[in-house]
Each structure stands twice: as C-alpha cells, then as structure tokens.
C-alpha cells in the first residue's frame, strides 16, 4: 500500500492532496487548491474570528467513498 498524502481543507472541509493546496492567510492551516482558485484564502475559523461572511462560491462537499 502506498503513502496517503491527503489533508482536510479548513475552508470547505473536503479532503485533497496535501501537495495541492496553500496555507490560510491568517493562521497557516491547509486551504485546498479549489478554494484558492476561487479566491478563498482564509480558513473557516479565521473567517469567523475576523467577522467575514461565508463565501458564496465554496465548493460543494465531496462525496464520501463507499466503505
């Protein structure tokens, strides 16, 4: 079995490859490439702390694979 290089995006909650993301502008936690491409650069916790609204363009939650 190979290594798994996945992290949970702290903005949208989707699990993405760790190498395909950027740090939150405020705290440095993982933000996925999809969120970054959509201009989202703060994690959910930092948006709440700074009083920022939830972005309307968050990607939809990814489907969970069947067990």
N, C-alpha and C. Protein backbone atom coordinates (compact mmCIF):
# COMPACT_ATOMS: atom_id res chain seq x y z
N UNK A 1 0.84 -1.17 0.00
CA UNK A 1 0.00 0.00 0.00
C UNK A 1 0.89 1.24 0.00
N UNK A 2 0.55 2.22 -0.84
CA UNK A 2 1.35 3.43 -0.93
C UNK A 2 0.98 4.43 0.16
N UNK A 3 1.79 5.46 0.25
CA UNK A 3 1.52 6.51 1.24
C UNK A 3 0.30 7.31 0.84
N UNK A 4 -0.42 7.79 1.81
CA UNK A 4 -1.59 8.63 1.57
C UNK A 4 -1.19 10.06 1.93
N UNK A 5 -1.34 10.97 0.97
CA UNK A 5 -0.92 12.35 1.13
C UNK A 5 -2.15 13.25 1.08
N UNK A 6 -3.09 13.06 2.02
CA UNK A 6 -4.35 13.79 1.99
C UNK A 6 -4.48 14.67 3.24
N UNK A 7 -5.11 15.82 3.06
CA UNK A 7 -5.40 16.72 4.17
C UNK A 7 -6.81 17.26 3.99
N UNK A 8 -7.44 17.64 5.08
CA UNK A 8 -8.78 18.23 5.04
C UNK A 8 -8.64 19.74 4.89
N UNK A 9 -9.29 20.28 3.89
CA UNK A 9 -9.29 21.73 3.68
C UNK A 9 -10.03 22.38 4.83
N UNK A 10 -9.42 23.36 5.48
CA UNK A 10 -10.03 24.03 6.63
C UNK A 10 -11.00 25.13 6.22
N UNK A 11 -11.23 25.24 4.91
CA UNK A 11 -12.22 26.19 4.43
C UNK A 11 -13.50 25.48 4.02
N UNK A 12 -13.38 24.46 3.16
CA UNK A 12 -14.58 23.77 2.65
C UNK A 12 -14.81 22.40 3.27
N UNK A 13 -13.79 21.83 3.91
CA UNK A 13 -13.93 20.53 4.56
C UNK A 13 -13.66 19.34 3.67
N UNK A 14 -13.37 19.56 2.40
CA UNK A 14 -13.07 18.45 1.50
C UNK A 14 -11.65 17.95 1.72
N UNK A 15 -11.45 16.68 1.46
CA UNK A 15 -10.13 16.08 1.61
C UNK A 15 -9.43 16.13 0.26
N UNK A 16 -8.26 16.73 0.23
CA UNK A 16 -7.50 16.90 -1.01
C UNK A 16 -6.05 16.52 -0.78
N UNK A 17 -5.31 16.36 -1.87
CA UNK A 17 -3.89 16.06 -1.75
C UNK A 17 -3.17 17.22 -1.07
N UNK A 18 -2.33 16.89 -0.11
CA UNK A 18 -1.63 17.92 0.67
C UNK A 18 -0.73 18.78 -0.20
N UNK A 19 -0.21 18.21 -1.26
CA UNK A 19 0.70 18.96 -2.12
C UNK A 19 -0.06 19.92 -3.04
N UNK A 20 -1.39 19.85 -3.05
CA UNK A 20 -2.19 20.71 -3.91
C UNK A 20 -3.02 21.68 -3.08
N UNK A 21 -2.34 22.53 -2.34
CA UNK A 21 -3.04 23.50 -1.52
C UNK A 21 -2.11 24.59 -1.05
N UNK A 22 -2.67 25.52 -0.29
CA UNK A 22 -1.93 26.67 0.19
C UNK A 22 -2.29 26.91 1.65
N UNK A 23 -1.48 27.67 2.38
CA UNK A 23 -1.80 27.97 3.78
C UNK A 23 -2.83 29.10 3.89
N UNK A 24 -3.61 29.04 4.96
CA UNK A 24 -4.53 30.13 5.29
C UNK A 24 -3.71 31.41 5.49
N UNK A 25 -4.21 32.52 4.99
CA UNK A 25 -3.51 33.80 5.11
C UNK A 25 -3.28 34.19 6.57
N UNK A 26 -4.21 33.84 7.45
CA UNK A 26 -4.14 34.25 8.85
C UNK A 26 -3.36 33.27 9.73
N UNK A 27 -3.70 31.97 9.65
CA UNK A 27 -3.14 31.01 10.61
C UNK A 27 -2.25 29.93 10.00
N UNK A 28 -2.26 29.79 8.69
CA UNK A 28 -1.38 28.82 8.04
C UNK A 28 -1.94 27.42 7.87
N UNK A 29 -3.20 27.16 8.26
CA UNK A 29 -3.76 25.82 8.05
C UNK A 29 -4.02 25.60 6.57
N UNK A 30 -4.26 24.34 6.20
CA UNK A 30 -4.39 23.93 4.81
C UNK A 30 -5.67 24.45 4.15
N UNK A 31 -5.51 25.10 3.00
CA UNK A 31 -6.61 25.52 2.13
C UNK A 31 -6.39 24.82 0.79
N UNK A 32 -7.41 24.11 0.30
CA UNK A 32 -7.25 23.32 -0.93
C UNK A 32 -7.11 24.21 -2.16
N UNK A 33 -6.62 23.62 -3.23
CA UNK A 33 -6.39 24.32 -4.48
C UNK A 33 -7.70 24.86 -5.05
N UNK A 34 -8.80 24.12 -4.89
CA UNK A 34 -10.09 24.57 -5.42
C UNK A 34 -10.51 25.87 -4.73
N UNK A 35 -10.42 25.91 -3.41
CA UNK A 35 -10.77 27.14 -2.68
C UNK A 35 -9.84 28.28 -3.08
N UNK A 36 -8.55 28.00 -3.16
CA UNK A 36 -7.59 29.03 -3.53
C UNK A 36 -7.90 29.59 -4.91
N UNK A 37 -8.23 28.72 -5.85
CA UNK A 37 -8.56 29.15 -7.21
C UNK A 37 -9.80 30.04 -7.21
N UNK A 38 -10.70 29.79 -6.29
CA UNK A 38 -11.93 30.59 -6.18
C UNK A 38 -11.72 31.86 -5.37
N UNK A 39 -10.49 32.14 -4.97
CA UNK A 39 -10.18 33.37 -4.24
C UNK A 39 -10.39 33.29 -2.75
N UNK A 40 -10.57 32.09 -2.22
CA UNK A 40 -10.79 31.90 -0.78
C UNK A 40 -9.43 31.64 -0.14
N UNK A 41 -8.97 32.54 0.70
CA UNK A 41 -7.63 32.40 1.27
C UNK A 41 -7.61 32.34 2.80
N UNK A 42 -8.80 32.34 3.42
CA UNK A 42 -8.90 32.22 4.88
C UNK A 42 -9.66 30.95 5.23
N UNK A 43 -9.24 30.27 6.28
CA UNK A 43 -9.96 29.08 6.74
C UNK A 43 -11.26 29.52 7.42
N UNK A 44 -12.14 28.56 7.65
CA UNK A 44 -13.44 28.86 8.25
C UNK A 44 -13.30 29.52 9.62
N UNK A 45 -12.38 29.00 10.46
CA UNK A 45 -12.19 29.56 11.81
C UNK A 45 -11.72 31.01 11.75
N UNK A 46 -10.80 31.31 10.85
CA UNK A 46 -10.29 32.68 10.75
C UNK A 46 -11.35 33.62 10.18
N UNK A 47 -12.16 33.14 9.23
CA UNK A 47 -13.26 33.97 8.72
C UNK A 47 -14.21 34.33 9.85
N UNK A 48 -14.54 33.35 10.70
CA UNK A 48 -15.43 33.61 11.83
C UNK A 48 -14.79 34.58 12.82
N UNK A 49 -13.51 34.36 13.12
CA UNK A 49 -12.80 35.22 14.07
C UNK A 49 -12.72 36.66 13.57
N UNK A 50 -12.54 36.83 12.26
CA UNK A 50 -12.41 38.16 11.68
C UNK A 50 -13.76 38.78 11.29
N UNK A 51 -14.86 38.03 11.51
CA UNK A 51 -16.18 38.55 11.18
C UNK A 51 -16.47 38.58 9.69
N UNK A 52 -15.81 37.73 8.93
CA UNK A 52 -16.01 37.67 7.49
C UNK A 52 -17.18 36.73 7.18
N UNK A 53 -17.97 37.02 6.15
CA UNK A 53 -19.08 36.11 5.79
C UNK A 53 -18.55 34.85 5.11
N UNK A 54 -19.37 33.81 5.11
CA UNK A 54 -19.02 32.59 4.38
C UNK A 54 -19.06 32.92 2.88
N UNK A 55 -18.04 32.51 2.13
CA UNK A 55 -18.05 32.77 0.68
C UNK A 55 -19.20 32.02 0.00
N UNK A 56 -19.82 32.66 -0.97
CA UNK A 56 -20.90 32.03 -1.72
C UNK A 56 -20.37 30.99 -2.70
N UNK A 57 -19.08 31.07 -3.00
CA UNK A 57 -18.50 30.18 -4.01
C UNK A 57 -17.70 29.02 -3.43
N UNK A 58 -18.01 28.60 -2.19
CA UNK A 58 -17.34 27.42 -1.62
C UNK A 58 -17.66 26.20 -2.47
N UNK A 59 -16.70 25.32 -2.69
CA UNK A 59 -17.01 24.10 -3.44
C UNK A 59 -17.96 23.22 -2.64
N UNK A 60 -18.80 22.43 -3.33
CA UNK A 60 -19.71 21.54 -2.61
C UNK A 60 -18.93 20.44 -1.90
N UNK A 61 -19.51 19.88 -0.84
CA UNK A 61 -18.82 18.78 -0.14
C UNK A 61 -18.60 17.61 -1.09
N UNK A 62 -17.44 17.00 -0.99
CA UNK A 62 -17.13 15.85 -1.83
C UNK A 62 -17.92 14.64 -1.35
N UNK A 63 -18.27 13.78 -2.28
CA UNK A 63 -18.97 12.54 -1.93
C UNK A 63 -18.01 11.62 -1.19
N UNK A 64 -18.49 10.99 -0.14
CA UNK A 64 -17.67 10.05 0.62
C UNK A 64 -17.65 8.71 -0.11
N UNK A 65 -16.46 8.09 -0.26
CA UNK A 65 -16.40 6.79 -0.92
C UNK A 65 -17.12 5.73 -0.10
N UNK A 66 -17.74 4.80 -0.81
CA UNK A 66 -18.45 3.71 -0.13
C UNK A 66 -17.46 2.81 0.59
N UNK A 67 -17.81 2.40 1.78
CA UNK A 67 -16.90 1.57 2.59
C UNK A 67 -16.98 0.11 2.21
